Amino acid sequence: MEELELIAFKIISGVGAARSSYIEAIQAAKAGDYERAEKLIAEGDESFVEGHDAHAGLLTREANEGQGSTVSLLILHAEDQLMSAEGFKTIAQEFIDAYKRIDKLEAKLK
C-alpha cells in the first residue's frame, strides 16, 4: 500500500471512531446519562486528534515539498470524513445541551 493510502486510512480510522463516539454521546444524553455523554465526547476528541494530526502531516508534507500531491478519491473521502466528524461533534454538543435543558424543564413540572 502506498504512503498516501496509509495516511488516508489513518485519517478515516481516527475521525470515524470520533464520529461514532459523538453519536453515542447523543444517545447517552437522550437516556439522561450526561456523565457518559461527556466521557464519549472526550473519547471522540482523542480519536479526532489522531485523524487530524495525520491530515496536518499530509498538509505539512505538501507545503514542504512545494508541489501539490496527487489528489485521489481516497484522500478526498478522508477529508470529507474529517469534516463530517467535526460537524457531528458540534451537533452532539448541541443535543446534549438540549437534553439537559429538557430534563431541567421536566423536573420543574413534576
N, C-alpha and C. Protein backbone atom coordinates (compact mmCIF):
# COMPACT_ATOMS: atom_id res chain seq x y z
N MET A 1 0.85 -1.19 0.00
CA MET A 1 0.00 0.00 0.00
C MET A 1 0.89 1.24 0.00
N GLU A 2 0.51 2.23 -0.76
CA GLU A 2 1.28 3.45 -0.85
C GLU A 2 1.14 4.30 0.41
N GLU A 3 2.11 5.19 0.59
CA GLU A 3 2.13 6.03 1.78
C GLU A 3 0.88 6.91 1.90
N LEU A 4 0.45 7.51 0.78
CA LEU A 4 -0.75 8.36 0.82
C LEU A 4 -1.99 7.56 1.21
N GLU A 5 -2.07 6.33 0.76
CA GLU A 5 -3.20 5.48 1.13
C GLU A 5 -3.19 5.19 2.63
N LEU A 6 -2.02 4.94 3.17
CA LEU A 6 -1.90 4.69 4.61
C LEU A 6 -2.32 5.91 5.42
N ILE A 7 -1.91 7.09 4.96
CA ILE A 7 -2.30 8.32 5.66
C ILE A 7 -3.81 8.51 5.57
N ALA A 8 -4.38 8.26 4.40
CA ALA A 8 -5.82 8.41 4.24
C ALA A 8 -6.57 7.47 5.17
N PHE A 9 -6.12 6.23 5.26
CA PHE A 9 -6.79 5.29 6.15
C PHE A 9 -6.62 5.67 7.62
N LYS A 10 -5.48 6.27 7.95
CA LYS A 10 -5.27 6.74 9.33
C LYS A 10 -6.27 7.86 9.66
N ILE A 11 -6.46 8.76 8.71
CA ILE A 11 -7.43 9.85 8.89
C ILE A 11 -8.83 9.26 9.04
N ILE A 12 -9.21 8.41 8.11
CA ILE A 12 -10.55 7.82 8.11
C ILE A 12 -10.81 7.05 9.40
N SER A 13 -9.83 6.29 9.83
CA SER A 13 -9.98 5.49 11.06
C SER A 13 -10.17 6.38 12.29
N GLY A 14 -9.31 7.38 12.42
CA GLY A 14 -9.40 8.26 13.58
C GLY A 14 -10.69 9.04 13.65
N VAL A 15 -11.04 9.69 12.55
CA VAL A 15 -12.24 10.52 12.58
C VAL A 15 -13.51 9.69 12.54
N GLY A 16 -13.44 8.48 11.98
CA GLY A 16 -14.59 7.58 12.01
C GLY A 16 -14.91 7.14 13.43
N ALA A 17 -13.86 6.83 14.19
CA ALA A 17 -14.05 6.47 15.59
C ALA A 17 -14.60 7.66 16.38
N ALA A 18 -14.10 8.85 16.06
CA ALA A 18 -14.58 10.06 16.73
C ALA A 18 -16.07 10.27 16.46
N ARG A 19 -16.45 10.16 15.20
CA ARG A 19 -17.87 10.35 14.85
C ARG A 19 -18.75 9.35 15.57
N SER A 20 -18.32 8.12 15.66
CA SER A 20 -19.08 7.10 16.38
C SER A 20 -19.24 7.47 17.85
N SER A 21 -18.18 7.97 18.46
CA SER A 21 -18.25 8.40 19.86
C SER A 21 -19.22 9.55 20.03
N TYR A 22 -19.21 10.49 19.10
CA TYR A 22 -20.11 11.64 19.19
C TYR A 22 -21.57 11.20 19.06
N ILE A 23 -21.82 10.25 18.19
CA ILE A 23 -23.19 9.73 18.04
C ILE A 23 -23.61 8.99 19.30
N GLU A 24 -22.72 8.20 19.87
CA GLU A 24 -23.02 7.51 21.13
C GLU A 24 -23.27 8.51 22.25
N ALA A 25 -22.57 9.63 22.22
CA ALA A 25 -22.76 10.66 23.24
C ALA A 25 -24.18 11.22 23.18
N ILE A 26 -24.69 11.42 21.98
CA ILE A 26 -26.07 11.88 21.83
C ILE A 26 -27.03 10.86 22.42
N GLN A 27 -26.80 9.59 22.14
CA GLN A 27 -27.66 8.53 22.66
C GLN A 27 -27.60 8.46 24.18
N ALA A 28 -26.41 8.65 24.75
CA ALA A 28 -26.28 8.64 26.20
C ALA A 28 -27.02 9.82 26.82
N ALA A 29 -26.91 10.98 26.20
CA ALA A 29 -27.63 12.16 26.70
C ALA A 29 -29.13 11.96 26.61
N LYS A 30 -29.58 11.36 25.53
CA LYS A 30 -31.01 11.10 25.37
C LYS A 30 -31.52 10.21 26.50
N ALA A 31 -30.66 9.29 26.97
CA ALA A 31 -31.02 8.40 28.07
C ALA A 31 -30.80 9.07 29.43
N GLY A 32 -30.32 10.31 29.43
CA GLY A 32 -30.10 11.04 30.68
C GLY A 32 -28.76 10.76 31.33
N ASP A 33 -27.88 10.06 30.67
CA ASP A 33 -26.57 9.73 31.23
C ASP A 33 -25.54 10.75 30.72
N TYR A 34 -25.56 11.92 31.36
CA TYR A 34 -24.72 13.03 30.91
C TYR A 34 -23.25 12.81 31.22
N GLU A 35 -22.96 12.09 32.27
CA GLU A 35 -21.57 11.79 32.59
C GLU A 35 -20.95 10.94 31.48
N ARG A 36 -21.70 9.93 31.05
CA ARG A 36 -21.22 9.08 29.95
C ARG A 36 -21.13 9.88 28.65
N ALA A 37 -22.08 10.75 28.43
CA ALA A 37 -22.07 11.58 27.22
C ALA A 37 -20.80 12.42 27.16
N GLU A 38 -20.45 13.04 28.26
CA GLU A 38 -19.24 13.87 28.30
C GLU A 38 -17.99 13.02 28.11
N LYS A 39 -17.99 11.81 28.69
CA LYS A 39 -16.86 10.90 28.53
C LYS A 39 -16.71 10.50 27.05
N LEU A 40 -17.83 10.25 26.40
CA LEU A 40 -17.79 9.87 24.98
C LEU A 40 -17.32 11.03 24.10
N ILE A 41 -17.69 12.24 24.45
CA ILE A 41 -17.19 13.41 23.71
C ILE A 41 -15.67 13.47 23.85
N ALA A 42 -15.17 13.27 25.06
CA ALA A 42 -13.72 13.31 25.29
C ALA A 42 -13.01 12.19 24.52
N GLU A 43 -13.59 11.00 24.52
CA GLU A 43 -13.01 9.89 23.75
C GLU A 43 -13.00 10.22 22.26
N GLY A 44 -14.10 10.80 21.80
CA GLY A 44 -14.18 11.20 20.40
C GLY A 44 -13.12 12.23 20.05
N ASP A 45 -12.88 13.16 20.97
CA ASP A 45 -11.86 14.18 20.74
C ASP A 45 -10.48 13.56 20.59
N GLU A 46 -10.18 12.54 21.41
CA GLU A 46 -8.88 11.87 21.31
C GLU A 46 -8.73 11.19 19.95
N SER A 47 -9.76 10.53 19.49
CA SER A 47 -9.71 9.87 18.19
C SER A 47 -9.62 10.89 17.06
N PHE A 48 -10.36 11.99 17.21
CA PHE A 48 -10.34 13.03 16.19
C PHE A 48 -8.94 13.60 16.02
N VAL A 49 -8.25 13.80 17.13
CA VAL A 49 -6.89 14.36 17.09
C VAL A 49 -5.96 13.45 16.28
N GLU A 50 -6.12 12.15 16.42
CA GLU A 50 -5.30 11.22 15.65
C GLU A 50 -5.49 11.43 14.15
N GLY A 51 -6.75 11.51 13.73
CA GLY A 51 -7.04 11.74 12.33
C GLY A 51 -6.61 13.12 11.86
N HIS A 52 -6.85 14.10 12.70
CA HIS A 52 -6.48 15.48 12.37
C HIS A 52 -4.97 15.61 12.23
N ASP A 53 -4.23 14.99 13.14
CA ASP A 53 -2.77 15.06 13.07
C ASP A 53 -2.23 14.41 11.79
N ALA A 54 -2.84 13.30 11.38
CA ALA A 54 -2.43 12.66 10.14
C ALA A 54 -2.70 13.59 8.96
N HIS A 55 -3.83 14.27 8.99
CA HIS A 55 -4.18 15.22 7.93
C HIS A 55 -3.21 16.40 7.93
N ALA A 56 -2.91 16.92 9.11
CA ALA A 56 -1.98 18.04 9.21
C ALA A 56 -0.60 17.65 8.69
N GLY A 57 -0.19 16.42 8.98
CA GLY A 57 1.09 15.94 8.47
C GLY A 57 1.11 15.90 6.95
N LEU A 58 0.00 15.51 6.38
CA LEU A 58 -0.13 15.47 4.92
C LEU A 58 -0.02 16.88 4.33
N LEU A 59 -0.69 17.83 4.97
CA LEU A 59 -0.63 19.22 4.50
C LEU A 59 0.78 19.79 4.65
N THR A 60 1.43 19.49 5.77
CA THR A 60 2.79 19.95 6.00
C THR A 60 3.75 19.39 4.95
N ARG A 61 3.59 18.12 4.67
CA ARG A 61 4.42 17.47 3.66
C ARG A 61 4.25 18.14 2.30
N GLU A 62 3.02 18.43 1.96
CA GLU A 62 2.76 19.09 0.68
C GLU A 62 3.38 20.48 0.65
N ALA A 63 3.26 21.21 1.75
CA ALA A 63 3.83 22.56 1.81
C ALA A 63 5.35 22.53 1.72
N ASN A 64 5.97 21.57 2.36
CA ASN A 64 7.43 21.47 2.36
C ASN A 64 7.99 21.03 1.01
N GLU A 65 7.26 20.21 0.31
CA GLU A 65 7.73 19.73 -0.99
C GLU A 65 7.51 20.77 -2.09
N GLY A 66 6.65 21.74 -1.82
CA GLY A 66 6.44 22.82 -2.77
C GLY A 66 5.56 22.49 -3.95
N GLN A 67 5.11 21.27 -4.04
CA GLN A 67 4.22 20.89 -5.12
C GLN A 67 3.01 20.19 -4.55
N GLY A 68 1.91 20.28 -5.26
CA GLY A 68 0.70 19.59 -4.83
C GLY A 68 0.87 18.09 -4.95
N SER A 69 0.38 17.38 -3.97
CA SER A 69 0.43 15.93 -4.07
C SER A 69 -0.71 15.45 -4.95
N THR A 70 -0.64 14.23 -5.35
CA THR A 70 -1.70 13.66 -6.16
C THR A 70 -2.97 13.56 -5.32
N VAL A 71 -4.03 14.16 -5.82
CA VAL A 71 -5.30 14.10 -5.12
C VAL A 71 -6.03 12.85 -5.60
N SER A 72 -6.38 12.01 -4.66
CA SER A 72 -7.10 10.80 -5.00
C SER A 72 -8.47 10.84 -4.36
N LEU A 73 -9.34 10.00 -4.84
CA LEU A 73 -10.67 9.92 -4.23
C LEU A 73 -10.56 9.49 -2.77
N LEU A 74 -9.57 8.67 -2.46
CA LEU A 74 -9.39 8.22 -1.09
C LEU A 74 -9.03 9.38 -0.17
N ILE A 75 -8.14 10.26 -0.61
CA ILE A 75 -7.78 11.45 0.18
C ILE A 75 -9.00 12.37 0.32
N LEU A 76 -9.73 12.56 -0.78
CA LEU A 76 -10.93 13.39 -0.70
C LEU A 76 -11.95 12.80 0.27
N HIS A 77 -12.09 11.49 0.24
CA HIS A 77 -13.01 10.82 1.17
C HIS A 77 -12.53 11.03 2.61
N ALA A 78 -11.24 10.90 2.84
CA ALA A 78 -10.70 11.09 4.19
C ALA A 78 -10.99 12.51 4.69
N GLU A 79 -10.79 13.50 3.83
CA GLU A 79 -11.07 14.87 4.23
C GLU A 79 -12.56 15.10 4.48
N ASP A 80 -13.40 14.46 3.68
CA ASP A 80 -14.84 14.55 3.87
C ASP A 80 -15.22 13.95 5.23
N GLN A 81 -14.64 12.83 5.57
CA GLN A 81 -14.93 12.19 6.84
C GLN A 81 -14.45 13.05 8.02
N LEU A 82 -13.31 13.70 7.84
CA LEU A 82 -12.78 14.59 8.87
C LEU A 82 -13.76 15.73 9.14
N MET A 83 -14.24 16.34 8.07
CA MET A 83 -15.18 17.45 8.22
C MET A 83 -16.51 16.97 8.80
N SER A 84 -16.93 15.80 8.41
CA SER A 84 -18.18 15.23 8.92
C SER A 84 -18.09 15.00 10.43
N ALA A 85 -16.97 14.45 10.87
CA ALA A 85 -16.79 14.20 12.30
C ALA A 85 -16.80 15.50 13.09
N GLU A 86 -16.18 16.51 12.53
CA GLU A 86 -16.15 17.81 13.20
C GLU A 86 -17.58 18.36 13.35
N GLY A 87 -18.37 18.20 12.32
CA GLY A 87 -19.77 18.64 12.38
C GLY A 87 -20.58 17.83 13.38
N PHE A 88 -20.33 16.53 13.43
CA PHE A 88 -21.04 15.69 14.39
C PHE A 88 -20.74 16.09 15.83
N LYS A 89 -19.51 16.52 16.10
CA LYS A 89 -19.18 16.97 17.46
C LYS A 89 -20.04 18.17 17.84
N THR A 90 -20.14 19.11 16.93
CA THR A 90 -20.95 20.30 17.19
C THR A 90 -22.40 19.92 17.44
N ILE A 91 -22.92 19.04 16.60
CA ILE A 91 -24.31 18.58 16.75
C ILE A 91 -24.49 17.84 18.07
N ALA A 92 -23.53 16.99 18.41
CA ALA A 92 -23.62 16.22 19.66
C ALA A 92 -23.66 17.16 20.86
N GLN A 93 -22.81 18.16 20.86
CA GLN A 93 -22.80 19.10 21.99
C GLN A 93 -24.11 19.86 22.09
N GLU A 94 -24.69 20.22 20.96
CA GLU A 94 -25.97 20.91 20.96
C GLU A 94 -27.09 20.00 21.49
N PHE A 95 -27.08 18.74 21.07
CA PHE A 95 -28.08 17.79 21.55
C PHE A 95 -27.94 17.56 23.06
N ILE A 96 -26.72 17.43 23.53
CA ILE A 96 -26.50 17.22 24.97
C ILE A 96 -27.06 18.40 25.74
N ASP A 97 -26.75 19.61 25.29
CA ASP A 97 -27.28 20.81 25.96
C ASP A 97 -28.81 20.83 25.91
N ALA A 98 -29.38 20.47 24.78
CA ALA A 98 -30.84 20.47 24.65
C ALA A 98 -31.47 19.44 25.58
N TYR A 99 -30.90 18.24 25.65
CA TYR A 99 -31.45 17.21 26.54
C TYR A 99 -31.33 17.63 28.01
N LYS A 100 -30.25 18.27 28.38
CA LYS A 100 -30.11 18.77 29.76
C LYS A 100 -31.21 19.80 30.05
N ARG A 101 -31.45 20.68 29.11
CA ARG A 101 -32.48 21.71 29.28
C ARG A 101 -33.86 21.09 29.40
N ILE A 102 -34.14 20.10 28.56
CA ILE A 102 -35.44 19.40 28.62
C ILE A 102 -35.62 18.74 29.97
N ASP A 103 -34.56 18.05 30.44
CA ASP A 103 -34.64 17.38 31.73
C ASP A 103 -34.92 18.37 32.87
N LYS A 104 -34.28 19.54 32.82
CA LYS A 104 -34.50 20.56 33.86
C LYS A 104 -35.94 21.06 33.83
N LEU A 105 -36.44 21.29 32.63
CA LEU A 105 -37.82 21.77 32.49
C LEU A 105 -38.83 20.70 32.94
N GLU A 106 -38.57 19.45 32.59
CA GLU A 106 -39.45 18.38 33.03
C GLU A 106 -39.42 18.22 34.55
N ALA A 107 -38.25 18.41 35.16
CA ALA A 107 -38.13 18.31 36.62
C ALA A 107 -38.95 19.40 37.30
N LYS A 108 -39.01 20.58 36.71
CA LYS A 108 -39.79 21.68 37.27
C LYS A 108 -41.30 21.39 37.20
N LEU A 109 -41.71 20.64 36.19
CA LEU A 109 -43.13 20.32 36.03
C LEU A 109 -43.62 19.27 37.03
N LYS A 110 -42.71 18.51 37.57
CA LYS A 110 -43.10 17.43 38.48
C LYS A 110 -43.34 17.89 39.87
